Amino acid sequence: NSYTPIDLERNSETIADTAAALQRPPQPASATPGAETAAFVGETELRGSRVVRSLVLKPSSTRPADLRRITLVIEADGIETVRVPLGDFFGAGPGLHPYASFMTSVSPGGTLTARWPMPFRESLSIRLLGKGDVQVHGEVVHTPWNWDSQSLYFFAAWRHAHELPSWPPRDWTLIAIQGRGVYVGTLFEIANASKGWWGEGDE
C-alpha cells in the first residue's frame, strides 16, 4: 500500500531523525577497534583478511577535467571491483560540489571521503590512473575481517551517456544487475549544456 499523509505525520519525528543521520558523517573510522591507518600517494596495497572502513583522497587539483580524467581503480583479491572517475566515485561531479552524507563526503577544499565497507580475503590495491601532473594523497583506514561464505566484495561501476537528447521522452536504464548481493544505490549526475533547461524533472 502507498503511504498516506497520515503516515507521514505519524512518523515525522522518525523521518526527521533519519534524514539528519544520513547527512551527518559517523565517527572517524580510526576510532574502530583494531583500526590501522595507511597514508599513500597515488597507490597502495593492503595485505591480510581486512575491510576498508574509510578511503580519503586529496588531489592537488580539483578542476572538473582532472576529476573526470583521473580514474580510481580498486582490486580485491585480484578482482577489479572499482573503475570510476575520481570525482564521480565520491559524488562530486561534474566538477567539485561540496556536501556531507553518511557514506560519502566532499569538502570545499577538495578532500574526498568514502565510508563504504570494502572487505577482502588476502589483498586489496588502490590505484589512481591518468594523474598526469596531479598529485593524489590518500589515507585508508582498515580493520580485521573474518572472511566467510557470507562475505561480499564492494563493486562500483560508471558509465556516461554523451549528449543524450531529452526529446522524445523515454526510459533510460540506470542499472541492470543479477546474482547474490546488496544494491546500495546510484549516483546520478547531469552535465547540462542547455541554458534553456536547469535540470528539474523526474530524473
N, C-alpha and C. Protein backbone atom coordinates (compact mmCIF):
# COMPACT_ATOMS: atom_id res chain seq x y z
N ASN A 1 0.83 -1.20 0.00
CA ASN A 1 0.00 0.00 0.00
C ASN A 1 0.87 1.25 0.00
N SER A 2 0.36 2.32 -0.58
CA SER A 2 1.08 3.59 -0.60
C SER A 2 0.99 4.27 0.75
N TYR A 3 1.99 5.12 0.99
CA TYR A 3 1.93 5.94 2.20
C TYR A 3 0.85 6.98 2.06
N THR A 4 0.31 7.41 3.19
CA THR A 4 -0.71 8.46 3.21
C THR A 4 -0.17 9.64 3.99
N PRO A 5 -0.80 10.81 3.84
CA PRO A 5 -0.38 11.97 4.64
C PRO A 5 -0.41 11.69 6.14
N ILE A 6 -1.33 10.84 6.57
CA ILE A 6 -1.41 10.50 8.00
C ILE A 6 -0.16 9.72 8.42
N ASP A 7 0.29 8.81 7.54
CA ASP A 7 1.51 8.05 7.85
C ASP A 7 2.71 8.98 8.01
N LEU A 8 2.81 9.95 7.12
CA LEU A 8 3.92 10.91 7.18
C LEU A 8 3.87 11.72 8.47
N GLU A 9 2.70 12.14 8.85
CA GLU A 9 2.55 12.93 10.07
C GLU A 9 2.88 12.07 11.30
N ARG A 10 2.40 10.84 11.31
CA ARG A 10 2.60 9.95 12.45
C ARG A 10 4.09 9.63 12.64
N ASN A 11 4.82 9.57 11.53
CA ASN A 11 6.24 9.19 11.59
C ASN A 11 7.18 10.36 11.34
N SER A 12 6.70 11.57 11.48
CA SER A 12 7.50 12.75 11.15
C SER A 12 8.79 12.84 11.98
N GLU A 13 8.73 12.46 13.25
CA GLU A 13 9.93 12.54 14.09
C GLU A 13 10.98 11.54 13.62
N THR A 14 10.55 10.31 13.31
CA THR A 14 11.48 9.29 12.82
C THR A 14 12.08 9.70 11.48
N ILE A 15 11.25 10.26 10.60
CA ILE A 15 11.73 10.71 9.30
C ILE A 15 12.78 11.81 9.46
N ALA A 16 12.52 12.75 10.34
CA ALA A 16 13.46 13.85 10.57
C ALA A 16 14.78 13.34 11.17
N ASP A 17 14.69 12.40 12.12
CA ASP A 17 15.90 11.83 12.73
C ASP A 17 16.72 11.07 11.70
N THR A 18 16.04 10.31 10.83
CA THR A 18 16.74 9.53 9.80
C THR A 18 17.43 10.46 8.80
N ALA A 19 16.72 11.50 8.36
CA ALA A 19 17.30 12.46 7.42
C ALA A 19 18.54 13.14 8.01
N ALA A 20 18.46 13.49 9.30
CA ALA A 20 19.60 14.14 9.96
C ALA A 20 20.79 13.18 10.05
N ALA A 21 20.52 11.90 10.36
CA ALA A 21 21.61 10.91 10.47
C ALA A 21 22.29 10.68 9.14
N LEU A 22 21.51 10.65 8.05
CA LEU A 22 22.08 10.41 6.73
C LEU A 22 22.94 11.57 6.24
N GLN A 23 22.72 12.75 6.81
CA GLN A 23 23.51 13.92 6.43
C GLN A 23 24.67 14.18 7.38
N ARG A 24 24.81 13.32 8.41
CA ARG A 24 25.85 13.52 9.41
C ARG A 24 26.85 12.37 9.34
N PRO A 25 28.09 12.63 8.95
CA PRO A 25 29.09 11.56 8.89
C PRO A 25 29.26 10.90 10.24
N PRO A 26 29.51 9.58 10.28
CA PRO A 26 29.71 8.87 11.53
C PRO A 26 31.06 9.21 12.15
N GLN A 27 31.35 8.63 13.31
CA GLN A 27 32.63 8.87 13.96
C GLN A 27 33.76 8.38 13.06
N PRO A 28 34.95 8.96 13.20
CA PRO A 28 36.06 8.56 12.34
C PRO A 28 36.31 7.05 12.42
N ALA A 29 36.59 6.45 11.26
CA ALA A 29 36.84 5.01 11.23
C ALA A 29 38.05 4.63 12.06
N SER A 30 38.97 5.58 12.26
CA SER A 30 40.18 5.29 13.03
C SER A 30 39.86 4.97 14.48
N ALA A 31 38.64 5.31 14.94
CA ALA A 31 38.25 5.02 16.31
C ALA A 31 37.73 3.59 16.46
N THR A 32 37.58 2.85 15.36
CA THR A 32 37.10 1.48 15.40
C THR A 32 38.17 0.57 15.99
N PRO A 33 37.81 -0.37 16.89
CA PRO A 33 38.82 -1.28 17.46
C PRO A 33 39.57 -2.04 16.38
N GLY A 34 40.88 -2.14 16.53
CA GLY A 34 41.73 -2.85 15.58
C GLY A 34 42.05 -2.07 14.32
N ALA A 35 41.68 -0.79 14.28
CA ALA A 35 41.89 0.01 13.07
C ALA A 35 43.36 0.32 12.85
N GLU A 36 43.77 0.25 11.58
CA GLU A 36 45.09 0.69 11.17
C GLU A 36 44.92 1.71 10.05
N THR A 37 45.80 2.69 10.02
CA THR A 37 45.73 3.75 9.01
C THR A 37 46.98 3.72 8.15
N ALA A 38 46.78 3.76 6.84
CA ALA A 38 47.89 3.78 5.90
C ALA A 38 47.79 5.02 5.01
N ALA A 39 48.82 5.85 5.03
CA ALA A 39 48.88 7.01 4.14
C ALA A 39 49.65 6.62 2.88
N PHE A 40 49.27 7.22 1.75
CA PHE A 40 49.93 6.88 0.49
C PHE A 40 49.80 8.03 -0.49
N VAL A 41 50.57 7.95 -1.56
CA VAL A 41 50.48 8.91 -2.67
C VAL A 41 50.33 8.11 -3.95
N GLY A 42 49.19 8.22 -4.60
CA GLY A 42 48.98 7.59 -5.90
C GLY A 42 48.49 6.17 -5.86
N GLU A 43 49.09 5.31 -5.01
CA GLU A 43 48.65 3.92 -4.95
C GLU A 43 49.12 3.27 -3.66
N THR A 44 48.44 2.19 -3.29
CA THR A 44 48.82 1.43 -2.10
C THR A 44 48.27 0.02 -2.22
N GLU A 45 48.82 -0.88 -1.40
CA GLU A 45 48.32 -2.26 -1.36
C GLU A 45 48.24 -2.71 0.09
N LEU A 46 47.13 -3.36 0.44
CA LEU A 46 46.91 -3.88 1.77
C LEU A 46 46.95 -5.39 1.73
N ARG A 47 47.42 -6.01 2.83
CA ARG A 47 47.53 -7.47 2.89
C ARG A 47 46.80 -8.01 4.11
N GLY A 48 46.32 -9.25 3.99
CA GLY A 48 45.64 -9.91 5.09
C GLY A 48 44.14 -9.90 4.87
N SER A 49 43.41 -10.52 5.78
CA SER A 49 41.94 -10.51 5.72
C SER A 49 41.46 -9.28 6.47
N ARG A 50 41.10 -8.24 5.71
CA ARG A 50 40.78 -6.93 6.29
C ARG A 50 39.54 -6.37 5.61
N VAL A 51 39.09 -5.23 6.12
CA VAL A 51 38.00 -4.48 5.49
C VAL A 51 38.34 -3.00 5.55
N VAL A 52 38.27 -2.34 4.40
CA VAL A 52 38.48 -0.89 4.36
C VAL A 52 37.26 -0.23 4.99
N ARG A 53 37.50 0.63 5.96
CA ARG A 53 36.42 1.35 6.64
C ARG A 53 36.26 2.77 6.10
N SER A 54 37.35 3.36 5.64
CA SER A 54 37.25 4.69 5.02
C SER A 54 38.40 4.89 4.06
N LEU A 55 38.11 5.61 2.99
CA LEU A 55 39.10 5.98 1.99
C LEU A 55 39.01 7.49 1.79
N VAL A 56 40.11 8.18 2.05
CA VAL A 56 40.16 9.64 1.91
C VAL A 56 41.21 9.99 0.87
N LEU A 57 40.82 10.75 -0.14
CA LEU A 57 41.74 11.16 -1.19
C LEU A 57 41.72 12.68 -1.32
N LYS A 58 42.90 13.26 -1.52
CA LYS A 58 43.03 14.71 -1.65
C LYS A 58 43.88 15.01 -2.88
N PRO A 59 43.24 15.30 -4.03
CA PRO A 59 44.01 15.63 -5.24
C PRO A 59 44.53 17.07 -5.17
N SER A 60 45.69 17.30 -5.80
CA SER A 60 46.25 18.64 -5.80
C SER A 60 45.49 19.58 -6.73
N SER A 61 44.64 19.03 -7.59
CA SER A 61 43.80 19.83 -8.48
C SER A 61 42.37 19.34 -8.40
N THR A 62 41.43 20.28 -8.33
CA THR A 62 40.01 19.91 -8.33
C THR A 62 39.31 20.47 -9.57
N ARG A 63 40.10 20.72 -10.62
CA ARG A 63 39.48 21.16 -11.88
C ARG A 63 38.57 20.04 -12.40
N PRO A 64 37.41 20.39 -12.93
CA PRO A 64 36.49 19.36 -13.42
C PRO A 64 37.14 18.35 -14.36
N ALA A 65 37.98 18.82 -15.27
CA ALA A 65 38.63 17.92 -16.22
C ALA A 65 39.53 16.92 -15.52
N ASP A 66 40.22 17.35 -14.46
CA ASP A 66 41.11 16.45 -13.72
C ASP A 66 40.31 15.43 -12.91
N LEU A 67 39.22 15.85 -12.28
CA LEU A 67 38.40 14.93 -11.50
C LEU A 67 37.74 13.87 -12.39
N ARG A 68 37.52 14.20 -13.65
CA ARG A 68 36.94 13.23 -14.58
C ARG A 68 38.03 12.37 -15.23
N ARG A 69 39.23 12.94 -15.48
CA ARG A 69 40.29 12.20 -16.16
C ARG A 69 40.95 11.16 -15.25
N ILE A 70 41.19 11.52 -13.99
CA ILE A 70 41.84 10.60 -13.06
C ILE A 70 40.86 9.49 -12.70
N THR A 71 41.31 8.25 -12.81
CA THR A 71 40.43 7.10 -12.57
C THR A 71 40.86 6.35 -11.32
N LEU A 72 39.90 6.10 -10.44
CA LEU A 72 40.13 5.29 -9.24
C LEU A 72 39.90 3.83 -9.60
N VAL A 73 40.93 3.00 -9.39
CA VAL A 73 40.84 1.57 -9.66
C VAL A 73 41.16 0.81 -8.37
N ILE A 74 40.25 -0.08 -7.98
CA ILE A 74 40.45 -0.90 -6.79
C ILE A 74 40.34 -2.36 -7.19
N GLU A 75 41.30 -3.17 -6.72
CA GLU A 75 41.27 -4.61 -6.94
C GLU A 75 41.28 -5.31 -5.59
N ALA A 76 40.33 -6.22 -5.40
CA ALA A 76 40.26 -7.02 -4.18
C ALA A 76 40.53 -8.47 -4.53
N ASP A 77 41.58 -9.04 -3.94
CA ASP A 77 41.95 -10.43 -4.20
C ASP A 77 42.12 -10.71 -5.70
N GLY A 78 42.70 -9.73 -6.40
CA GLY A 78 42.95 -9.89 -7.82
C GLY A 78 41.76 -9.63 -8.72
N ILE A 79 40.63 -9.24 -8.15
CA ILE A 79 39.41 -8.96 -8.92
C ILE A 79 39.21 -7.44 -8.98
N GLU A 80 39.11 -6.89 -10.19
CA GLU A 80 38.84 -5.46 -10.30
C GLU A 80 37.41 -5.18 -9.89
N THR A 81 37.23 -4.44 -8.82
CA THR A 81 35.90 -4.17 -8.28
C THR A 81 35.45 -2.72 -8.49
N VAL A 82 36.40 -1.83 -8.74
CA VAL A 82 36.07 -0.42 -8.94
C VAL A 82 36.91 0.13 -10.08
N ARG A 83 36.28 0.81 -11.03
CA ARG A 83 36.96 1.59 -12.07
C ARG A 83 36.04 2.75 -12.39
N VAL A 84 36.25 3.87 -11.71
CA VAL A 84 35.34 5.01 -11.79
C VAL A 84 36.17 6.30 -11.77
N PRO A 85 35.80 7.31 -12.57
CA PRO A 85 36.48 8.60 -12.46
C PRO A 85 36.46 9.11 -11.02
N LEU A 86 37.55 9.73 -10.63
CA LEU A 86 37.75 10.13 -9.23
C LEU A 86 36.58 10.93 -8.66
N GLY A 87 36.22 12.02 -9.33
CA GLY A 87 35.15 12.86 -8.80
C GLY A 87 33.81 12.16 -8.75
N ASP A 88 33.53 11.34 -9.75
CA ASP A 88 32.25 10.65 -9.83
C ASP A 88 32.09 9.60 -8.74
N PHE A 89 33.19 8.91 -8.38
CA PHE A 89 33.10 7.90 -7.33
C PHE A 89 32.62 8.51 -6.02
N PHE A 90 33.07 9.71 -5.74
CA PHE A 90 32.71 10.37 -4.47
C PHE A 90 31.47 11.25 -4.59
N GLY A 91 30.82 11.24 -5.76
CA GLY A 91 29.61 12.03 -5.92
C GLY A 91 29.85 13.51 -6.07
N ALA A 92 31.05 13.89 -6.51
CA ALA A 92 31.38 15.31 -6.61
C ALA A 92 31.09 15.89 -7.98
N GLY A 93 30.87 15.03 -8.99
CA GLY A 93 30.81 15.51 -10.37
C GLY A 93 29.45 16.00 -10.80
N PRO A 94 29.40 16.69 -11.93
CA PRO A 94 30.56 17.14 -12.70
C PRO A 94 31.26 18.31 -11.98
N GLY A 95 32.55 18.23 -11.84
CA GLY A 95 33.29 19.24 -11.09
C GLY A 95 33.32 18.91 -9.61
N LEU A 96 33.53 19.93 -8.78
CA LEU A 96 33.61 19.74 -7.32
C LEU A 96 32.40 20.40 -6.66
N HIS A 97 31.58 19.59 -5.99
CA HIS A 97 30.38 20.10 -5.33
C HIS A 97 30.37 19.59 -3.89
N PRO A 98 30.74 20.44 -2.93
CA PRO A 98 30.84 20.00 -1.53
C PRO A 98 29.50 19.54 -0.97
N TYR A 99 29.53 18.49 -0.16
CA TYR A 99 28.35 18.01 0.56
C TYR A 99 28.82 17.03 1.62
N ALA A 100 27.95 16.67 2.53
CA ALA A 100 28.27 15.67 3.56
C ALA A 100 27.10 14.71 3.69
N SER A 101 27.42 13.41 3.70
CA SER A 101 26.41 12.39 3.92
C SER A 101 27.02 11.27 4.75
N PHE A 102 26.22 10.28 5.09
CA PHE A 102 26.69 9.21 5.97
C PHE A 102 27.79 8.38 5.31
N MET A 103 27.67 8.11 4.00
CA MET A 103 28.63 7.23 3.33
C MET A 103 29.72 7.96 2.57
N THR A 104 29.46 9.15 2.07
CA THR A 104 30.46 9.90 1.31
C THR A 104 30.39 11.38 1.66
N SER A 105 31.53 12.05 1.52
CA SER A 105 31.60 13.48 1.79
C SER A 105 32.61 14.13 0.86
N VAL A 106 32.35 15.38 0.51
CA VAL A 106 33.27 16.18 -0.30
C VAL A 106 33.40 17.53 0.40
N SER A 107 34.64 17.90 0.75
CA SER A 107 34.84 19.17 1.45
C SER A 107 35.05 20.29 0.44
N PRO A 108 34.80 21.55 0.85
CA PRO A 108 35.05 22.68 -0.07
C PRO A 108 36.49 22.72 -0.55
N GLY A 109 37.43 22.22 0.26
CA GLY A 109 38.84 22.24 -0.12
C GLY A 109 39.25 21.09 -1.03
N GLY A 110 38.31 20.17 -1.31
CA GLY A 110 38.61 19.08 -2.24
C GLY A 110 39.02 17.78 -1.61
N THR A 111 38.77 17.60 -0.31
CA THR A 111 39.02 16.31 0.33
C THR A 111 37.83 15.39 0.07
N LEU A 112 38.09 14.22 -0.50
CA LEU A 112 37.05 13.28 -0.90
C LEU A 112 37.06 12.08 0.05
N THR A 113 35.93 11.78 0.67
CA THR A 113 35.86 10.72 1.67
C THR A 113 34.76 9.73 1.33
N ALA A 114 35.09 8.44 1.38
CA ALA A 114 34.11 7.37 1.19
C ALA A 114 34.20 6.41 2.38
N ARG A 115 33.04 5.97 2.87
CA ARG A 115 33.00 5.08 4.03
C ARG A 115 32.34 3.74 3.69
N TRP A 116 32.34 3.37 2.41
CA TRP A 116 31.78 2.08 2.03
C TRP A 116 32.66 0.96 2.56
N PRO A 117 32.11 -0.03 3.26
CA PRO A 117 32.94 -1.17 3.69
C PRO A 117 33.41 -1.96 2.47
N MET A 118 34.71 -2.24 2.41
CA MET A 118 35.29 -2.98 1.28
C MET A 118 36.11 -4.14 1.84
N PRO A 119 35.47 -5.28 2.10
CA PRO A 119 36.22 -6.42 2.65
C PRO A 119 37.01 -7.16 1.59
N PHE A 120 38.10 -7.80 2.03
CA PHE A 120 38.89 -8.63 1.12
C PHE A 120 39.52 -9.76 1.94
N ARG A 121 39.83 -10.85 1.24
CA ARG A 121 40.32 -12.05 1.91
C ARG A 121 41.84 -12.04 2.07
N GLU A 122 42.57 -11.58 1.03
CA GLU A 122 44.03 -11.65 1.08
C GLU A 122 44.72 -10.33 0.74
N SER A 123 44.19 -9.59 -0.23
CA SER A 123 44.88 -8.36 -0.64
C SER A 123 43.90 -7.38 -1.28
N LEU A 124 44.24 -6.12 -1.20
CA LEU A 124 43.46 -5.07 -1.86
C LEU A 124 44.41 -3.99 -2.32
N SER A 125 44.28 -3.58 -3.59
CA SER A 125 45.12 -2.50 -4.11
C SER A 125 44.25 -1.32 -4.52
N ILE A 126 44.77 -0.14 -4.31
CA ILE A 126 44.11 1.11 -4.69
C ILE A 126 45.08 1.88 -5.58
N ARG A 127 44.63 2.25 -6.78
CA ARG A 127 45.48 2.99 -7.71
C ARG A 127 44.71 4.15 -8.31
N LEU A 128 45.41 5.23 -8.60
CA LEU A 128 44.86 6.39 -9.31
C LEU A 128 45.56 6.47 -10.64
N LEU A 129 44.82 6.27 -11.74
CA LEU A 129 45.40 6.28 -13.08
C LEU A 129 45.12 7.59 -13.79
N GLY A 130 45.97 7.94 -14.75
CA GLY A 130 45.76 9.14 -15.55
C GLY A 130 45.96 10.43 -14.79
N LYS A 131 46.85 10.41 -13.79
CA LYS A 131 47.02 11.59 -12.93
C LYS A 131 47.71 12.74 -13.64
N GLY A 132 48.61 12.42 -14.59
CA GLY A 132 49.39 13.49 -15.20
C GLY A 132 50.25 14.16 -14.14
N ASP A 133 50.17 15.47 -14.05
CA ASP A 133 50.96 16.19 -13.05
C ASP A 133 50.20 16.43 -11.75
N VAL A 134 49.04 15.80 -11.59
CA VAL A 134 48.23 15.96 -10.37
C VAL A 134 48.69 14.94 -9.32
N GLN A 135 48.98 15.42 -8.14
CA GLN A 135 49.33 14.53 -7.02
C GLN A 135 48.04 14.18 -6.25
N VAL A 136 47.88 12.91 -5.90
CA VAL A 136 46.73 12.49 -5.12
C VAL A 136 47.23 11.83 -3.84
N HIS A 137 47.06 12.52 -2.73
CA HIS A 137 47.42 11.97 -1.43
C HIS A 137 46.22 11.22 -0.86
N GLY A 138 46.49 10.06 -0.27
CA GLY A 138 45.41 9.24 0.24
C GLY A 138 45.65 8.73 1.64
N GLU A 139 44.56 8.34 2.27
CA GLU A 139 44.62 7.70 3.58
C GLU A 139 43.52 6.65 3.64
N VAL A 140 43.87 5.43 3.99
CA VAL A 140 42.89 4.36 4.07
C VAL A 140 42.93 3.78 5.48
N VAL A 141 41.75 3.64 6.08
CA VAL A 141 41.62 3.03 7.41
C VAL A 141 41.00 1.66 7.23
N HIS A 142 41.63 0.63 7.81
CA HIS A 142 41.13 -0.73 7.65
C HIS A 142 41.19 -1.48 8.98
N THR A 143 40.33 -2.47 9.14
CA THR A 143 40.24 -3.26 10.36
C THR A 143 40.20 -4.74 10.00
N PRO A 144 40.40 -5.63 10.98
CA PRO A 144 40.34 -7.07 10.69
C PRO A 144 38.97 -7.50 10.17
N TRP A 145 38.96 -8.55 9.34
CA TRP A 145 37.73 -9.07 8.77
C TRP A 145 37.79 -10.59 8.74
N ASN A 146 36.74 -11.24 9.20
CA ASN A 146 36.66 -12.70 9.16
C ASN A 146 35.93 -13.10 7.88
N TRP A 147 36.72 -13.39 6.82
CA TRP A 147 36.11 -13.71 5.52
C TRP A 147 35.44 -15.08 5.60
N ASP A 148 34.15 -15.13 5.21
CA ASP A 148 33.42 -16.40 5.20
C ASP A 148 32.48 -16.45 4.01
N SER A 149 31.58 -17.44 3.98
CA SER A 149 30.70 -17.64 2.83
C SER A 149 29.70 -16.51 2.65
N GLN A 150 29.51 -15.69 3.67
CA GLN A 150 28.58 -14.57 3.57
C GLN A 150 29.25 -13.27 3.14
N SER A 151 30.56 -13.27 3.04
CA SER A 151 31.29 -12.05 2.69
C SER A 151 31.07 -11.70 1.22
N LEU A 152 30.98 -10.41 0.95
CA LEU A 152 30.76 -9.90 -0.40
C LEU A 152 31.77 -8.81 -0.71
N TYR A 153 32.22 -8.73 -1.95
CA TYR A 153 33.09 -7.64 -2.38
C TYR A 153 32.25 -6.39 -2.64
N PHE A 154 32.89 -5.24 -2.53
CA PHE A 154 32.26 -3.97 -2.88
C PHE A 154 32.57 -3.67 -4.35
N PHE A 155 31.53 -3.41 -5.14
CA PHE A 155 31.71 -3.08 -6.55
C PHE A 155 31.15 -1.69 -6.85
N ALA A 156 31.82 -0.97 -7.74
CA ALA A 156 31.30 0.31 -8.24
C ALA A 156 31.65 0.42 -9.72
N ALA A 157 30.67 0.79 -10.53
CA ALA A 157 30.88 0.94 -11.97
C ALA A 157 30.40 2.33 -12.40
N TRP A 158 30.83 2.74 -13.59
CA TRP A 158 30.48 4.07 -14.10
C TRP A 158 30.22 3.97 -15.60
N ARG A 159 29.22 4.69 -16.04
CA ARG A 159 29.02 4.82 -17.48
C ARG A 159 28.50 6.21 -17.78
N HIS A 160 28.76 6.64 -19.01
CA HIS A 160 28.46 8.01 -19.41
C HIS A 160 27.68 8.01 -20.71
N ALA A 161 26.52 8.64 -20.70
CA ALA A 161 25.73 8.81 -21.92
C ALA A 161 26.02 10.22 -22.44
N HIS A 162 26.81 10.31 -23.51
CA HIS A 162 27.25 11.60 -24.02
C HIS A 162 26.17 12.23 -24.90
N GLU A 163 25.85 13.48 -24.62
CA GLU A 163 24.89 14.25 -25.40
C GLU A 163 23.59 13.46 -25.62
N LEU A 164 23.01 13.04 -24.52
CA LEU A 164 21.76 12.29 -24.57
C LEU A 164 20.60 13.27 -24.79
N PRO A 165 19.91 13.21 -25.91
CA PRO A 165 18.82 14.16 -26.17
C PRO A 165 17.66 13.95 -25.19
N SER A 166 17.01 15.03 -24.83
CA SER A 166 15.90 14.94 -23.86
C SER A 166 14.54 14.75 -24.55
N TRP A 167 14.54 14.75 -25.86
CA TRP A 167 13.28 14.56 -26.58
C TRP A 167 13.52 13.62 -27.76
N PRO A 168 12.65 12.66 -28.01
CA PRO A 168 11.37 12.42 -27.31
C PRO A 168 11.58 11.74 -25.95
N PRO A 169 10.59 11.87 -25.06
CA PRO A 169 10.71 11.24 -23.73
C PRO A 169 10.85 9.72 -23.86
N ARG A 170 11.65 9.13 -22.98
CA ARG A 170 11.83 7.68 -23.00
C ARG A 170 12.44 7.25 -21.66
N ASP A 171 12.40 5.96 -21.41
CA ASP A 171 13.05 5.42 -20.23
C ASP A 171 14.53 5.23 -20.52
N TRP A 172 15.35 5.36 -19.48
CA TRP A 172 16.79 5.14 -19.60
C TRP A 172 17.22 4.27 -18.43
N THR A 173 17.76 3.10 -18.72
CA THR A 173 18.12 2.16 -17.66
C THR A 173 19.36 2.64 -16.92
N LEU A 174 19.22 2.84 -15.62
CA LEU A 174 20.36 3.25 -14.80
C LEU A 174 21.25 2.07 -14.46
N ILE A 175 20.65 0.91 -14.15
CA ILE A 175 21.44 -0.24 -13.76
C ILE A 175 20.64 -1.51 -14.01
N ALA A 176 21.33 -2.56 -14.40
CA ALA A 176 20.72 -3.88 -14.56
C ALA A 176 21.67 -4.88 -13.90
N ILE A 177 21.25 -5.51 -12.82
CA ILE A 177 22.12 -6.40 -12.05
C ILE A 177 21.41 -7.71 -11.78
N GLN A 178 22.20 -8.76 -11.53
CA GLN A 178 21.64 -10.05 -11.16
C GLN A 178 22.64 -10.77 -10.27
N GLY A 179 22.16 -11.78 -9.55
CA GLY A 179 23.03 -12.54 -8.68
C GLY A 179 22.89 -12.11 -7.23
N ARG A 180 23.66 -12.77 -6.36
CA ARG A 180 23.59 -12.50 -4.93
C ARG A 180 24.34 -11.23 -4.59
N GLY A 181 23.75 -10.40 -3.77
CA GLY A 181 24.41 -9.18 -3.36
C GLY A 181 23.45 -8.20 -2.73
N VAL A 182 23.95 -7.02 -2.45
CA VAL A 182 23.15 -5.94 -1.85
C VAL A 182 23.38 -4.69 -2.68
N TYR A 183 22.32 -4.16 -3.29
CA TYR A 183 22.43 -2.94 -4.09
C TYR A 183 22.30 -1.74 -3.15
N VAL A 184 23.31 -0.88 -3.12
CA VAL A 184 23.31 0.22 -2.15
C VAL A 184 22.99 1.57 -2.77
N GLY A 185 22.88 1.66 -4.10
CA GLY A 185 22.42 2.92 -4.66
C GLY A 185 23.15 3.38 -5.91
N THR A 186 22.65 4.47 -6.48
CA THR A 186 23.18 5.04 -7.71
C THR A 186 23.43 6.53 -7.50
N LEU A 187 24.58 7.01 -7.95
CA LEU A 187 24.85 8.45 -8.01
C LEU A 187 24.56 8.88 -9.45
N PHE A 188 23.59 9.75 -9.62
CA PHE A 188 23.15 10.17 -10.95
C PHE A 188 23.49 11.63 -11.13
N GLU A 189 24.37 11.94 -12.09
CA GLU A 189 24.85 13.29 -12.29
C GLU A 189 24.48 13.77 -13.69
N ILE A 190 24.11 15.04 -13.78
CA ILE A 190 23.74 15.62 -15.07
C ILE A 190 24.65 16.80 -15.38
N ALA A 191 25.32 16.74 -16.53
CA ALA A 191 26.08 17.88 -17.04
C ALA A 191 25.22 18.50 -18.14
N ASN A 192 24.63 19.62 -17.86
CA ASN A 192 23.66 20.22 -18.76
C ASN A 192 24.29 21.27 -19.66
N ALA A 193 24.18 21.07 -20.95
CA ALA A 193 24.76 22.02 -21.91
C ALA A 193 23.74 23.04 -22.40
N SER A 194 22.48 22.90 -21.99
CA SER A 194 21.42 23.79 -22.46
C SER A 194 21.09 24.85 -21.43
N LYS A 195 21.16 26.12 -21.82
CA LYS A 195 20.81 27.20 -20.90
C LYS A 195 19.30 27.33 -20.74
N GLY A 196 18.56 26.62 -21.59
CA GLY A 196 17.11 26.69 -21.51
C GLY A 196 16.51 25.66 -20.58
N TRP A 197 17.33 24.84 -19.95
CA TRP A 197 16.83 23.80 -19.03
C TRP A 197 17.78 23.68 -17.86
N TRP A 198 17.24 23.73 -16.66
CA TRP A 198 18.07 23.79 -15.47
C TRP A 198 18.15 22.47 -14.71
N GLY A 199 17.59 21.41 -15.28
CA GLY A 199 17.75 20.09 -14.67
C GLY A 199 16.58 19.63 -13.85
N GLU A 200 15.52 20.37 -13.77
CA GLU A 200 14.35 19.96 -12.97
C GLU A 200 13.53 18.98 -13.78
N GLY A 201 13.05 17.92 -13.12
CA GLY A 201 12.25 16.91 -13.82
C GLY A 201 12.11 15.66 -13.00
N ASP A 202 11.77 14.55 -13.61
CA ASP A 202 11.55 13.32 -12.85
C ASP A 202 12.77 12.42 -12.83
N GLU A 203 13.98 12.97 -13.17
CA GLU A 203 15.17 12.15 -13.11
C GLU A 203 15.52 11.80 -11.67
